[in-house]
Protein backbone atom coordinates (compact mmCIF):
# COMPACT_ATOMS: atom_id res chain seq x y z
CA MET A 1 90.99 78.89 113.62
CA THR A 2 91.20 76.96 116.90
CA PRO A 3 94.47 76.30 118.80
CA SER A 4 94.21 72.60 117.99
CA THR A 5 93.87 73.39 114.29
CA LEU A 6 96.85 75.74 114.40
CA SER A 7 99.01 73.09 116.05
CA ASN A 8 98.38 70.78 113.09
CA LEU A 9 99.88 73.28 110.64
CA VAL A 10 103.52 73.09 109.56
CA ASN A 11 105.38 76.29 108.70
CA HIS A 12 107.90 75.90 105.87
CA GLN A 13 110.64 78.53 105.98
CA ILE A 14 113.71 79.62 104.04
CA ARG A 15 116.59 80.92 106.15
CA LEU A 16 119.87 82.62 105.32
CA ALA A 17 122.58 79.98 105.81
CA ALA A 18 125.61 81.98 104.59
CA ARG A 19 126.41 85.47 103.34
CA PRO A 20 126.54 85.32 99.54
CA VAL A 21 129.65 86.22 97.60
CA GLY A 22 128.42 87.52 94.27
CA MET A 23 125.14 85.98 93.15
CA PRO A 24 123.28 84.06 95.89
CA LYS A 25 123.60 80.29 95.40
CA PRO A 26 121.54 77.36 96.70
CA THR A 27 123.96 76.66 99.57
CA ASP A 28 123.36 80.17 100.93
CA TRP A 29 119.89 79.00 102.03
CA SER A 30 118.48 76.44 104.42
CA HIS A 31 114.96 75.02 104.30
CA THR A 32 113.38 74.47 107.70
CA THR A 33 110.02 73.63 109.26
CA GLU A 34 108.42 74.41 112.61
CA PRO A 35 104.93 74.24 114.16
CA VAL A 36 102.64 77.25 113.82
CA ALA A 37 102.36 79.03 117.16
CA GLU A 38 99.14 80.26 118.72
CA PRO A 39 99.21 84.05 119.28
CA ALA A 40 99.60 85.38 122.80
CA GLU A 41 97.18 87.98 124.16
CA GLY A 42 97.19 90.96 121.78
CA GLY A 43 98.97 89.03 119.03
CA VAL A 44 98.00 87.63 115.63
CA THR A 45 98.86 84.67 113.42
CA LEU A 46 99.02 85.33 109.71
CA LYS A 47 99.06 83.10 106.64
CA THR A 48 101.31 84.27 103.82
CA LEU A 49 99.60 84.61 100.45
CA ALA A 50 102.27 86.41 98.43
CA LEU A 51 105.74 87.88 98.97
CA SER A 52 107.43 90.87 97.40
CA LEU A 53 110.85 90.05 95.91
CA ASP A 54 112.95 93.21 95.64
CA PRO A 55 116.53 94.12 94.68
CA ALA A 56 117.05 95.54 98.19
CA MET A 57 116.96 91.98 99.52
CA ARG A 58 120.48 91.43 98.18
CA GLY A 59 121.80 94.23 100.37
CA TRP A 60 120.01 92.85 103.43
CA MET A 61 122.11 89.68 103.14
CA ASN A 62 125.41 91.54 103.55
CA GLU A 63 127.19 92.17 106.83
CA GLY A 64 127.82 95.81 107.60
CA LYS A 65 126.17 99.07 108.54
CA SER A 66 123.20 100.12 106.42
CA TYR A 67 119.79 101.73 106.78
CA ILE A 68 118.48 98.46 108.22
CA PRO A 69 120.29 95.66 110.10
CA PRO A 70 121.36 92.70 107.96
CA VAL A 71 119.47 89.43 108.11
CA GLY A 72 121.28 87.25 110.63
CA ILE A 73 122.72 83.87 109.71
CA GLY A 74 120.07 81.30 110.54
CA GLU A 75 117.23 83.83 110.46
CA VAL A 76 114.19 83.60 108.19
CA MET A 77 114.94 85.73 105.12
CA ARG A 78 113.34 89.15 105.38
CA ALA A 79 110.52 89.89 102.93
CA GLY A 80 107.41 91.99 102.86
CA GLY A 81 104.19 90.43 101.80
CA VAL A 82 100.43 90.21 101.95
CA GLY A 83 98.35 87.61 103.70
CA VAL A 84 95.34 86.85 105.82
CA VAL A 85 94.70 86.71 109.58
CA ILE A 86 93.99 83.11 110.66
CA ALA A 87 94.04 83.64 114.44
CA SER A 88 93.71 86.83 116.46
CA LYS A 89 93.77 87.95 120.07
CA ASN A 90 93.89 91.59 119.04
CA SER A 91 90.74 93.68 118.69
CA GLN A 92 92.17 95.59 115.72
CA PHE A 93 92.44 92.47 113.55
CA ALA A 94 89.75 89.90 112.83
CA VAL A 95 90.14 86.44 111.34
CA GLY A 96 89.79 86.84 107.58
CA ASP A 97 91.28 90.35 107.42
CA HIS A 98 93.79 90.83 104.63
CA VAL A 99 97.00 92.50 105.78
CA SER A 100 100.38 93.71 104.64
CA ALA A 101 103.32 92.84 106.89
CA GLY A 102 106.94 91.79 107.11
CA PHE A 103 106.15 88.11 106.71
CA GLY A 104 109.58 86.79 105.87
CA VAL A 105 110.06 83.92 103.44
CA GLN A 106 107.75 81.48 105.19
CA GLU A 107 104.17 80.22 105.11
CA TYR A 108 102.97 81.56 108.47
CA ILE A 109 104.04 84.10 111.07
CA THR A 110 102.85 84.72 114.64
CA ILE A 111 103.41 88.29 115.79
CA ALA A 112 103.27 89.49 119.38
CA GLN A 113 101.33 92.64 120.29
CA ASP A 114 104.47 94.73 120.86
CA GLU A 115 105.85 93.69 117.45
CA ILE A 116 102.80 94.53 115.34
CA LYS A 117 103.77 98.15 114.65
CA ARG A 118 107.46 97.35 114.17
CA ASN A 119 106.52 94.59 111.74
CA GLY A 120 104.43 97.03 109.73
CA VAL A 121 101.19 95.07 110.02
CA PHE A 122 98.23 96.96 108.61
CA LYS A 123 94.93 96.02 107.02
CA ILE A 124 94.62 96.34 103.25
CA ASP A 125 91.48 97.04 101.27
CA LEU A 126 91.09 94.78 98.25
CA ARG A 127 88.57 97.25 96.83
CA ALA A 128 91.47 99.68 96.32
CA GLY A 129 93.69 97.18 94.54
CA THR A 130 94.40 93.49 94.06
CA LEU A 131 96.72 91.52 96.33
CA THR A 132 99.58 91.83 93.85
CA GLN A 133 98.94 95.56 93.40
CA TRP A 134 99.36 95.89 97.17
CA LEU A 135 102.89 94.55 96.61
CA ASN A 136 103.49 96.85 93.66
CA VAL A 137 102.06 100.32 93.13
CA LEU A 138 100.26 100.31 96.52
CA GLY A 139 103.14 98.58 98.31
CA MET A 140 106.77 99.32 99.13
CA PRO A 141 107.91 99.76 95.50
CA GLY A 142 105.08 102.20 94.83
CA MET A 143 105.82 104.13 98.02
CA THR A 144 109.51 104.28 97.04
CA GLY A 145 108.68 105.63 93.60
CA TYR A 146 106.10 108.09 94.86
CA PHE A 147 108.12 109.69 97.64
CA GLY A 148 111.40 109.52 95.74
CA LEU A 149 109.89 111.40 92.83
CA MET A 150 107.58 113.78 94.70
CA ASP A 151 109.68 114.63 97.77
CA VAL A 152 113.21 114.36 96.39
CA GLY A 153 112.66 114.98 92.68
CA ILE A 154 109.99 117.69 93.10
CA PRO A 155 108.76 117.41 89.48
CA GLN A 156 107.53 120.49 87.66
CA PRO A 157 105.32 120.47 84.54
CA GLY A 158 107.35 120.40 81.34
CA GLU A 159 110.51 118.95 82.91
CA THR A 160 112.26 115.91 81.45
CA VAL A 161 112.37 112.89 83.76
CA VAL A 162 114.54 109.84 83.03
CA VAL A 163 114.01 106.63 84.99
CA SER A 164 116.14 103.48 84.77
CA GLY A 165 114.63 100.09 85.48
CA ALA A 166 111.53 101.58 83.86
CA ALA A 167 109.68 98.27 83.49
CA GLY A 168 110.39 97.23 87.07
CA ALA A 169 108.27 97.83 90.13
CA VAL A 170 109.60 101.23 91.19
CA GLY A 171 110.16 102.46 87.64
CA GLN A 172 106.52 101.84 86.69
CA THR A 173 105.29 104.13 89.44
CA VAL A 174 107.89 106.85 88.86
CA GLY A 175 107.18 107.15 85.15
CA GLN A 176 103.41 107.16 85.47
CA MET A 177 103.45 109.66 88.34
CA ALA A 178 105.77 111.94 86.38
CA LYS A 179 103.37 111.86 83.41
CA ILE A 180 100.42 112.64 85.68
CA LYS A 181 102.38 115.63 87.00
CA GLY A 182 102.90 116.95 83.46
CA CYS A 183 106.50 115.88 82.76
CA ARG A 184 108.14 114.40 79.69
CA VAL A 185 109.26 110.87 80.66
CA VAL A 186 112.01 108.75 79.13
CA GLY A 187 112.54 105.24 80.45
CA ILE A 188 115.56 102.95 80.28
CA ALA A 189 114.85 99.20 80.21
CA GLY A 190 116.35 95.96 78.93
CA GLY A 191 114.82 94.55 75.77
CA ALA A 192 112.47 95.67 73.02
CA ALA A 193 109.39 94.08 74.62
CA LYS A 194 109.85 95.95 77.88
CA CYS A 195 110.47 99.23 76.09
CA GLU A 196 107.39 98.77 73.91
CA TRP A 197 105.25 98.05 76.99
CA VAL A 198 106.59 101.09 78.85
CA VAL A 199 105.67 103.40 75.97
CA LYS A 200 102.43 101.85 74.73
CA GLU A 201 100.90 100.70 78.02
CA LEU A 202 102.35 103.07 80.63
CA GLY A 203 102.42 106.14 78.43
CA PHE A 204 106.12 107.04 78.63
CA ASP A 205 107.22 109.40 75.86
CA ALA A 206 110.16 107.17 74.93
CA CYS A 207 112.18 104.24 76.22
CA ILE A 208 115.85 103.41 75.65
CA ASP A 209 116.79 99.74 75.30
CA TYR A 210 120.14 99.46 77.05
CA LYS A 211 120.65 96.01 75.50
CA ALA A 212 120.45 97.36 71.94
CA THR A 213 123.35 97.75 69.55
CA THR A 214 123.58 101.33 68.31
CA ALA A 215 125.77 102.58 65.48
CA GLY A 216 127.94 99.51 65.77
CA VAL A 217 128.46 100.00 69.51
CA SER A 218 127.11 97.23 71.72
CA GLY A 219 126.56 97.29 75.45
CA SER A 220 124.53 99.50 77.72
CA SER A 221 126.70 102.58 77.58
CA GLY A 222 126.66 103.01 73.80
CA ALA A 223 122.92 102.43 73.53
CA VAL A 224 122.10 104.68 76.47
CA ARG A 225 124.30 107.54 75.31
CA ALA A 226 122.72 107.44 71.87
CA GLY A 227 119.22 107.18 73.31
CA LEU A 228 119.69 110.10 75.68
CA LYS A 229 121.00 112.24 72.85
CA GLU A 230 117.94 111.39 70.75
CA HIS A 231 115.20 111.53 73.38
CA CYS A 232 116.55 114.20 75.76
CA PRO A 233 117.83 116.88 73.36
CA LYS A 234 117.25 119.59 75.97
CA GLY A 235 118.90 117.63 78.78
CA VAL A 236 117.61 115.86 81.90
CA ASP A 237 115.95 117.66 84.81
CA ILE A 238 115.26 114.63 87.03
CA TYR A 239 116.96 111.23 86.96
CA PHE A 240 115.52 108.42 89.06
CA ASP A 241 118.29 105.85 89.31
CA ASN A 242 117.58 102.18 90.02
CA VAL A 243 120.68 100.66 88.41
CA GLY A 244 123.87 102.67 89.04
CA GLY A 245 127.05 101.87 87.10
CA GLU A 246 127.68 103.14 83.59
CA ILE A 247 124.09 104.24 83.04
CA LEU A 248 124.31 106.66 85.96
CA ASP A 249 127.43 108.19 84.43
CA ASP A 250 125.76 108.49 81.02
CA VAL A 251 122.82 110.40 82.50
CA LEU A 252 125.05 112.63 84.65
CA ALA A 253 126.72 113.76 81.44
CA ARG A 254 123.37 115.19 80.23
CA ILE A 255 121.82 116.77 83.33
CA ASN A 256 120.58 120.35 83.31
CA ARG A 257 121.27 123.13 85.76
CA LYS A 258 119.55 122.48 89.11
CA ALA A 259 118.82 118.86 88.11
CA ARG A 260 117.82 116.36 90.79
CA VAL A 261 119.30 112.86 90.80
CA ILE A 262 117.45 110.38 93.02
CA ILE A 263 119.51 107.37 94.12
CA CYS A 264 117.07 104.56 94.78
CA GLY A 265 119.22 101.54 93.97
CA ALA A 266 122.16 100.19 92.03
CA ILE A 267 121.13 96.74 90.89
CA SER A 268 124.03 96.57 88.43
CA GLN A 269 126.41 96.62 91.43
CA TYR A 270 124.70 94.45 94.06
CA ASN A 271 126.42 91.18 93.18
CA ASN A 272 129.88 92.63 92.55
CA THR A 273 132.78 90.70 94.06
CA THR A 274 134.97 93.80 93.64
CA ALA A 275 134.48 97.34 94.95
CA ILE A 276 131.22 99.05 93.94
CA GLN A 277 131.72 101.39 91.00
CA GLY A 278 130.87 104.95 91.95
CA PRO A 279 129.95 107.75 89.52
CA LYS A 280 132.87 109.01 87.44
CA ASN A 281 130.89 112.00 86.16
CA TYR A 282 130.00 113.36 89.59
CA LEU A 283 131.58 116.75 88.83
CA SER A 284 128.60 117.34 86.55
CA LEU A 285 126.71 117.97 89.81
CA LEU A 286 129.07 120.85 90.54
CA VAL A 287 129.05 122.34 87.07
CA ASN A 288 125.25 122.22 86.87
CA ARG A 289 124.56 123.18 90.51
CA ALA A 290 122.64 119.90 90.70
CA ARG A 291 122.07 117.57 93.62
CA MET A 292 122.09 113.82 94.19
CA GLU A 293 120.07 112.41 97.08
CA GLY A 294 119.23 108.93 98.32
CA ILE A 295 115.73 107.62 99.03
CA VAL A 296 114.93 105.05 101.74
CA VAL A 297 111.23 104.35 101.75
CA PHE A 298 110.94 103.59 105.47
CA ASP A 299 111.54 107.29 106.21
CA TYR A 300 108.06 108.02 104.84
CA ALA A 301 106.09 105.33 106.68
CA GLU A 302 103.87 107.85 108.49
CA ARG A 303 102.68 109.18 105.11
CA TYR A 304 102.14 105.92 103.23
CA HIS A 305 98.38 106.23 103.62
CA LEU A 306 98.39 109.52 101.72
CA ALA A 307 100.29 108.08 98.75
CA ILE A 308 98.14 104.94 98.76
CA ALA A 309 94.94 106.98 98.66
CA GLU A 310 96.21 109.14 95.78
CA MET A 311 97.49 106.28 93.64
CA ALA A 312 94.50 104.04 94.35
CA GLY A 313 92.44 106.87 92.89
CA TYR A 314 94.60 106.89 89.77
CA ILE A 315 94.24 103.11 89.40
CA LYS A 316 90.46 103.31 89.75
CA ALA A 317 90.34 106.13 87.19
CA GLY A 318 92.50 104.16 84.73
CA ARG A 319 95.36 106.67 84.93
CA MET A 320 97.85 104.18 86.41
CA LYS A 321 98.57 100.57 85.51
CA SER A 322 100.37 97.84 87.40
CA LYS A 323 102.16 94.79 86.02
CA GLU A 324 103.30 91.90 88.17
CA ASP A 325 105.47 88.89 87.31
CA VAL A 326 104.08 86.14 89.55
CA VAL A 327 105.99 82.93 90.29
CA VAL A 328 104.26 80.17 92.28
CA GLY A 329 105.76 78.22 95.18
CA LEU A 330 107.71 79.12 98.33
CA GLN A 331 110.32 76.48 97.46
CA THR A 332 111.21 78.35 94.25
CA PHE A 333 112.43 81.41 96.20
CA PRO A 334 116.22 80.90 95.76
CA GLU A 335 116.06 80.68 91.96
CA THR A 336 113.15 83.12 91.57
CA LEU A 337 115.09 85.84 93.42
CA LEU A 338 117.83 85.63 90.80
CA LYS A 339 115.41 86.79 88.11
CA LEU A 340 115.83 90.30 89.51
CA PHE A 341 119.56 90.33 88.88
CA ASN A 342 119.42 88.60 85.50
CA GLY A 343 116.82 91.06 84.19
CA GLU A 344 114.39 88.19 83.61
CA ASN A 345 111.40 89.59 85.47
CA PHE A 346 108.88 91.65 83.52
CA GLY A 347 107.10 93.83 86.04
CA LYS A 348 107.03 93.59 89.82
CA LEU A 349 108.39 90.20 90.91
CA VAL A 350 105.95 88.43 93.25
CA LEU A 351 106.21 84.99 94.84
CA GLU A 352 102.79 83.38 95.34
CA VAL A 353 102.91 81.27 98.49
CA ALA A 354 99.24 80.26 98.77
CA LYS A 355 95.97 80.92 96.98
CA ALA A 356 93.83 83.70 98.38
């Protein structure tokens, strides 16, 4: 694409206008436009095709110390995505190459040479997986599930693995990987349709519907306690936690000696306007000589290629599946993001920005 053609393009963006209190609302965002810049020597200009919407985005909006700096007020909202190179002055990238990168919630991004590595720009092979799979099992959620389970959980054949958010992006990968490694897998998800899909399509041994009413007791805790008793009669060896709150406490009450609890997220707590609820049953870790450890996917960036190669092989062989919930239109971002926190998404939530 020539410089004159680039200058005719308009980049629509969504920026963080205010730090949300509770659920993000429309006034927390601003919609802006700017011209698309030509890349400097060594740089590239990318067109966004699809963005990954993840629960972690809610934490990135908050002020305070974390594993990654918060998005600044007035900055384009942070988001990973996949897209295509439309202009390049870098020998490693050609026009037409498909790439993964930290695009942000916008239609185009121009990245300087010294920012390419920091931005995580790398070429993706559409023979290994579709664009949306590169945002799911071959993307950040898949890497989170893979390294959280394999490096922190260290699954052994015959062990019982429980994963919350089982129908979500990370949960899909965790459960399928655990089955491949010879474990018994029990998922926790919201709704009969999600639970049925997790068992029948992904091959989980069982799935607990936390929205169900069990023995006259409604709410997640009653349903989860009853489900764990039924489906984990010999206890839990590995728990991969994506939700926190009461469900974490329910699982802690059933862990085995030397169990591993992987803390990936706590989506039930992200929009709290009061203090985050920590685990009440944490002494179960002491009694059972168990451990609880957090997983931040960026720590494993140097090994992503190994996980991608392994799981792409499983996809090709039909041993792993990938489900994405695709919503069309950059302008829908503010309301589409809320699907994550309302439990409305079924599979990995993806925002399609442009057609491939």
